[in-house]
Amino acid sequence: MSYQRDSDQRVALVTGSTSGIGRAIALQLAQEGFAIAFHSKTSIAAGQALAAANSGASYTQADLADQDQAWDLIETVLAHHGRLDVLVNNAGATATIPHGDLSAATLEIWRNLYEVNVIAPWTLITAAETALRQAARSDCSSCIVNISSHAGIRPKGASIPYSVSKAALNHMTKLLALTLAPAIRVNAIAPGLVHTPMSAHWTAAQELWQTRSPMQRGAQPEEIAQVASMLIASPYLTGEILLADGGLNLT
C-alpha cells in the first residue's frame, strides 16, 4: 500500500506529546517545518489545542499499552497525513520501587512496563515501516528516535523493571538500526533528570543533579528537544544511544 501524499511537507509522529519532553520535541519539529501528529493517552483537550495551534497538525488519542490501539495510531496518522517521515517513541511508563524490594516488583508491573516501554515502540515501528521507507529519499532518510533513559545505561532508575525495560529499548534501537538502514535511521536519547511536571517533586534526584552533575542541574525539555532535532537532521548517525545527563555519568 502506498501512503505518499502530494504535499512535500514532512510529517513527524511524536507519542506522548502533550506535555514534557514529547511536547518540547513536537514543538521544536513544528518550528522546523514538520507537520506534527500529536498523541497522548489521556490529555485529549491539550492534544486538540496543540493540533489547532500548529499548521497541518493532527491529534490522536491512544493507549499504547493496548497494541491494537498502537497499530491503529499509525493507521490514523497515515490516513490523515498521507505519509510519515519521523517517528519519535517518547511515551513511556514508570514505577517507583526500591531496588532492594524484589517482591514489590510484581509480574504485573514488569508486564505493564514492557508493554509500554518495549512492545509498544516495536509495534509502532512495525506498523510504520512501510510508510517510513516510502518517505525516505536518497539524500534524506526517514528517522526513528526512541526516548530511553540514563537508567537503561547505568544501574540506576526508579525501579529495576523500569531500568531493564529501557535497556531493552536501547538494544532494540541498535538492532533496528542495523536492520532498517539505510532507508530508516534509528537512534535513542537517554536523558537523566529532566524538569517536567512529573519530576517536580523528585527532591532526591534534584539534589543529586545539583551536587554531583558537572552542569549542576537537570535538563529543560527544550534541551532534550534540541538533541532530538540534531539526530533527526543528521543524515549519517544511526544506532546511537545519546546519553544526555549533564555529565552525571562522569562522577
Protein backbone atom coordinates (compact mmCIF):
# COMPACT_ATOMS: atom_id res chain seq x y z
CA MET A 1 0.00 0.00 0.00
CA SER A 2 1.30 3.46 -0.88
CA TYR A 3 0.89 6.23 1.68
CA GLN A 4 2.79 9.00 -0.08
CA ARG A 5 0.77 12.20 -0.48
CA ASP A 6 1.19 15.08 -2.88
CA SER A 7 2.48 17.57 -0.28
CA ASP A 8 6.24 17.77 0.25
CA GLN A 9 5.82 18.71 3.92
CA ARG A 10 7.46 16.11 6.13
CA VAL A 11 5.38 14.52 8.90
CA ALA A 12 6.52 13.57 12.40
CA LEU A 13 4.56 11.49 14.90
CA VAL A 14 5.61 12.17 18.49
CA THR A 15 3.98 9.90 21.04
CA GLY A 16 3.17 11.32 24.46
CA SER A 17 3.45 14.82 23.03
CA THR A 18 1.01 16.91 25.09
CA SER A 19 3.49 17.65 27.90
CA GLY A 20 7.12 17.37 28.97
CA ILE A 21 9.80 16.08 26.63
CA GLY A 22 7.34 14.94 23.96
CA ARG A 23 5.65 18.32 23.75
CA ALA A 24 9.02 20.09 23.50
CA ILE A 25 10.17 17.78 20.70
CA ALA A 26 6.90 18.19 18.79
CA LEU A 27 7.03 21.98 19.01
CA GLN A 28 10.71 22.03 18.01
CA LEU A 29 9.95 19.97 14.91
CA ALA A 30 6.92 22.14 14.11
CA GLN A 31 9.21 25.19 14.13
CA GLU A 32 11.43 23.35 11.67
CA GLY A 33 8.57 22.87 9.23
CA PHE A 34 7.24 19.42 10.08
CA ALA A 35 3.55 18.65 10.20
CA ILE A 36 3.12 17.14 13.65
CA ALA A 37 0.94 14.22 14.64
CA PHE A 38 0.35 14.80 18.35
CA HIS A 39 -0.61 11.90 20.60
CA SER A 40 -1.50 11.22 24.22
CA LYS A 41 -3.19 8.58 26.33
CA THR A 42 -5.48 10.86 28.34
CA SER A 43 -4.92 14.62 27.87
CA ILE A 44 -7.30 14.94 24.92
CA ALA A 45 -8.12 18.65 25.31
CA ALA A 46 -4.43 19.57 25.44
CA GLY A 47 -3.72 17.47 22.35
CA GLN A 48 -6.56 19.03 20.40
CA ALA A 49 -5.39 22.52 21.39
CA LEU A 50 -1.84 21.79 20.25
CA ALA A 51 -3.08 20.43 16.93
CA ALA A 52 -5.25 23.51 16.39
CA ALA A 53 -2.34 25.85 17.18
CA ASN A 54 0.13 24.26 14.75
CA SER A 55 -0.34 24.36 10.99
CA GLY A 56 -1.04 20.99 9.38
CA ALA A 57 -1.05 19.17 12.73
CA SER A 58 -3.33 16.41 13.98
CA TYR A 59 -4.09 14.79 17.32
CA THR A 60 -4.92 11.16 18.11
CA GLN A 61 -5.73 9.59 21.47
CA ALA A 62 -4.46 6.04 22.06
CA ASP A 63 -3.49 3.83 24.98
CA LEU A 64 -0.20 2.31 23.86
CA ALA A 65 -0.47 -0.46 26.45
CA ASP A 66 -3.10 -1.85 24.05
CA GLN A 67 -1.17 -2.99 20.99
CA ASP A 68 -4.27 -2.81 18.80
CA GLN A 69 -4.56 0.88 19.65
CA ALA A 70 -0.85 1.35 18.95
CA TRP A 71 -1.27 -0.16 15.48
CA ASP A 72 -4.41 1.91 14.88
CA LEU A 73 -2.50 5.07 15.85
CA ILE A 74 -0.18 4.63 12.88
CA GLU A 75 -3.08 3.91 10.54
CA THR A 76 -4.94 7.02 11.77
CA VAL A 77 -1.89 9.24 11.29
CA LEU A 78 -1.32 7.90 7.79
CA ALA A 79 -4.99 8.30 6.88
CA HIS A 80 -4.84 11.95 7.95
CA HIS A 81 -1.37 12.98 6.72
CA GLY A 82 -0.74 10.52 3.90
CA ARG A 83 2.90 9.98 4.86
CA LEU A 84 5.26 9.56 7.79
CA ASP A 85 8.91 10.66 7.83
CA VAL A 86 9.80 10.67 11.52
CA LEU A 87 8.61 8.57 14.45
CA VAL A 88 9.54 9.66 17.98
CA ASN A 89 8.73 6.99 20.56
CA ASN A 90 8.50 9.23 23.60
CA ALA A 91 5.52 7.82 25.51
CA GLY A 92 6.55 5.62 28.38
CA ALA A 93 5.57 4.22 31.77
CA THR A 94 7.46 4.05 35.06
CA ALA A 95 7.13 2.62 38.54
CA THR A 96 8.99 3.72 41.65
CA ILE A 97 10.18 0.72 43.68
CA PRO A 98 13.29 0.44 45.88
CA HIS A 99 15.78 -1.77 44.07
CA GLY A 100 16.19 -3.99 47.12
CA ASP A 101 12.47 -4.70 47.46
CA LEU A 102 12.29 -7.53 44.95
CA SER A 103 8.83 -8.73 45.94
CA ALA A 104 7.34 -5.29 45.22
CA ALA A 105 8.41 -5.59 41.58
CA THR A 106 5.44 -7.78 40.69
CA LEU A 107 4.90 -9.61 37.43
CA GLU A 108 2.07 -7.17 36.67
CA ILE A 109 4.47 -4.23 36.95
CA TRP A 110 7.08 -5.98 34.79
CA ARG A 111 4.49 -6.76 32.12
CA ASN A 112 2.97 -3.27 32.10
CA LEU A 113 6.36 -1.56 31.77
CA TYR A 114 7.46 -3.88 28.99
CA GLU A 115 4.13 -3.44 27.21
CA VAL A 116 4.52 0.34 27.06
CA ASN A 117 8.30 0.84 27.01
CA VAL A 118 9.37 -2.01 24.72
CA ILE A 119 6.49 -3.71 22.92
CA ALA A 120 4.60 -0.52 22.01
CA PRO A 121 7.63 1.07 20.28
CA TRP A 122 8.17 -2.22 18.44
CA THR A 123 4.52 -2.27 17.34
CA LEU A 124 4.62 1.35 16.20
CA ILE A 125 7.85 0.81 14.25
CA THR A 126 6.49 -2.35 12.64
CA ALA A 127 3.27 -0.59 11.65
CA ALA A 128 5.14 2.46 10.33
CA GLU A 129 7.97 0.71 8.46
CA THR A 130 6.37 0.74 5.02
CA ALA A 131 5.41 4.41 5.23
CA LEU A 132 8.83 5.38 6.58
CA ARG A 133 10.54 3.54 3.72
CA GLN A 134 8.29 5.21 1.16
CA ALA A 135 9.07 8.66 2.59
CA ALA A 136 12.84 8.10 2.51
CA ARG A 137 14.93 9.65 -0.25
CA SER A 138 18.50 9.02 -1.25
CA ASP A 139 19.50 12.37 0.25
CA CYS A 140 17.16 12.24 3.25
CA SER A 141 16.48 9.03 5.15
CA SER A 142 13.49 8.61 7.40
CA CYS A 143 14.19 8.56 11.11
CA ILE A 144 13.11 6.90 14.37
CA VAL A 145 14.09 8.38 17.73
CA ASN A 146 13.42 6.35 20.86
CA ILE A 147 13.33 8.23 24.17
CA SER A 148 15.09 5.98 26.63
CA SER A 149 16.71 6.85 29.98
CA HIS A 150 20.11 7.04 31.63
CA ALA A 151 18.71 4.24 33.81
CA GLY A 152 18.92 1.93 30.79
CA ILE A 153 22.68 2.52 30.64
CA ARG A 154 23.72 2.78 34.30
CA PRO A 155 22.47 0.67 37.25
CA LYS A 156 20.13 3.44 38.40
CA GLY A 157 16.49 4.35 37.96
CA ALA A 158 13.10 4.45 39.65
CA SER A 159 12.90 0.66 39.72
CA ILE A 160 14.67 -2.38 38.34
CA PRO A 161 11.80 -3.26 35.96
CA TYR A 162 11.82 0.29 34.57
CA SER A 163 15.59 0.33 34.07
CA VAL A 164 15.59 -3.09 32.41
CA SER A 165 12.80 -2.02 30.03
CA LYS A 166 14.85 0.99 28.94
CA ALA A 167 17.96 -1.17 28.50
CA ALA A 168 15.87 -3.40 26.23
CA LEU A 169 14.75 -0.34 24.26
CA ASN A 170 18.38 0.71 23.83
CA HIS A 171 19.40 -2.68 22.44
CA MET A 172 16.35 -2.79 20.19
CA THR A 173 17.46 0.60 18.85
CA LYS A 174 20.83 -0.82 17.81
CA LEU A 175 19.35 -3.97 16.30
CA LEU A 176 16.83 -1.99 14.25
CA ALA A 177 19.49 0.48 13.12
CA LEU A 178 21.28 -2.45 11.51
CA THR A 179 18.09 -3.96 10.10
CA LEU A 180 16.39 -0.86 8.68
CA ALA A 181 19.39 1.01 7.24
CA PRO A 182 19.96 2.87 5.03
CA ALA A 183 16.37 4.00 4.36
CA ILE A 184 15.50 4.41 8.04
CA ARG A 185 17.89 5.60 10.71
CA VAL A 186 17.22 4.57 14.34
CA ASN A 187 18.69 6.36 17.35
CA ALA A 188 17.83 6.86 21.01
CA ILE A 189 18.22 9.59 23.60
CA ALA A 190 18.88 8.58 27.21
CA PRO A 191 18.03 11.61 29.38
CA GLY A 192 18.84 11.93 33.04
CA LEU A 193 16.74 14.25 35.20
CA VAL A 194 14.51 16.49 33.08
CA HIS A 195 12.44 19.25 34.69
CA THR A 196 8.85 18.32 33.85
CA PRO A 197 5.62 18.31 35.88
CA MET A 198 6.23 14.61 36.60
CA SER A 199 9.67 15.27 38.15
CA ALA A 200 8.68 18.40 40.11
CA HIS A 201 8.64 16.52 43.42
CA TRP A 202 11.69 14.31 42.84
CA THR A 203 13.69 16.10 45.52
CA ALA A 204 16.36 13.39 45.85
CA ALA A 205 17.06 13.41 42.11
CA GLN A 206 17.16 17.19 42.01
CA GLU A 207 19.66 17.27 44.87
CA LEU A 208 21.76 14.59 43.15
CA TRP A 209 22.00 16.58 39.92
CA GLN A 210 22.69 19.84 41.75
CA THR A 211 25.51 18.37 43.81
CA ARG A 212 27.12 15.75 41.54
CA SER A 213 26.36 16.70 37.93
CA PRO A 214 29.04 18.87 36.29
CA MET A 215 26.21 21.06 34.92
CA GLN A 216 24.74 21.27 38.45
CA ARG A 217 21.15 20.92 37.25
CA GLY A 218 18.70 18.78 35.36
CA ALA A 219 17.76 19.44 31.76
CA GLN A 220 14.91 21.50 30.42
CA PRO A 221 12.61 19.64 27.99
CA GLU A 222 13.66 22.03 25.23
CA GLU A 223 17.28 20.90 25.64
CA ILE A 224 16.31 17.29 25.01
CA ALA A 225 14.28 18.50 22.02
CA GLN A 226 17.43 20.09 20.59
CA VAL A 227 19.18 16.72 20.80
CA ALA A 228 16.25 15.03 19.04
CA SER A 229 16.33 17.69 16.33
CA MET A 230 20.03 17.07 15.77
CA LEU A 231 19.56 13.32 15.45
CA ILE A 232 16.68 13.79 13.01
CA ALA A 233 18.60 16.32 10.91
CA SER A 234 21.80 14.29 10.71
CA PRO A 235 21.94 12.18 7.54
CA TYR A 236 24.64 9.87 8.92
CA LEU A 237 24.04 8.99 12.59
CA THR A 238 22.31 5.71 13.30
CA GLY A 239 22.42 3.18 16.12
CA GLU A 240 23.46 5.80 18.66
CA ILE A 241 22.27 5.90 22.29
CA LEU A 242 22.94 9.52 23.17
CA LEU A 243 23.30 9.99 26.92
CA ALA A 244 22.03 13.44 27.98
CA ASP A 245 22.55 13.65 31.73
CA GLY A 246 24.53 16.86 32.20
CA GLY A 247 27.69 14.82 32.77
CA LEU A 248 26.40 12.95 35.83
CA ASN A 249 27.80 9.72 34.34
CA LEU A 250 31.29 11.15 34.77
CA THR A 251 31.05 11.23 38.55
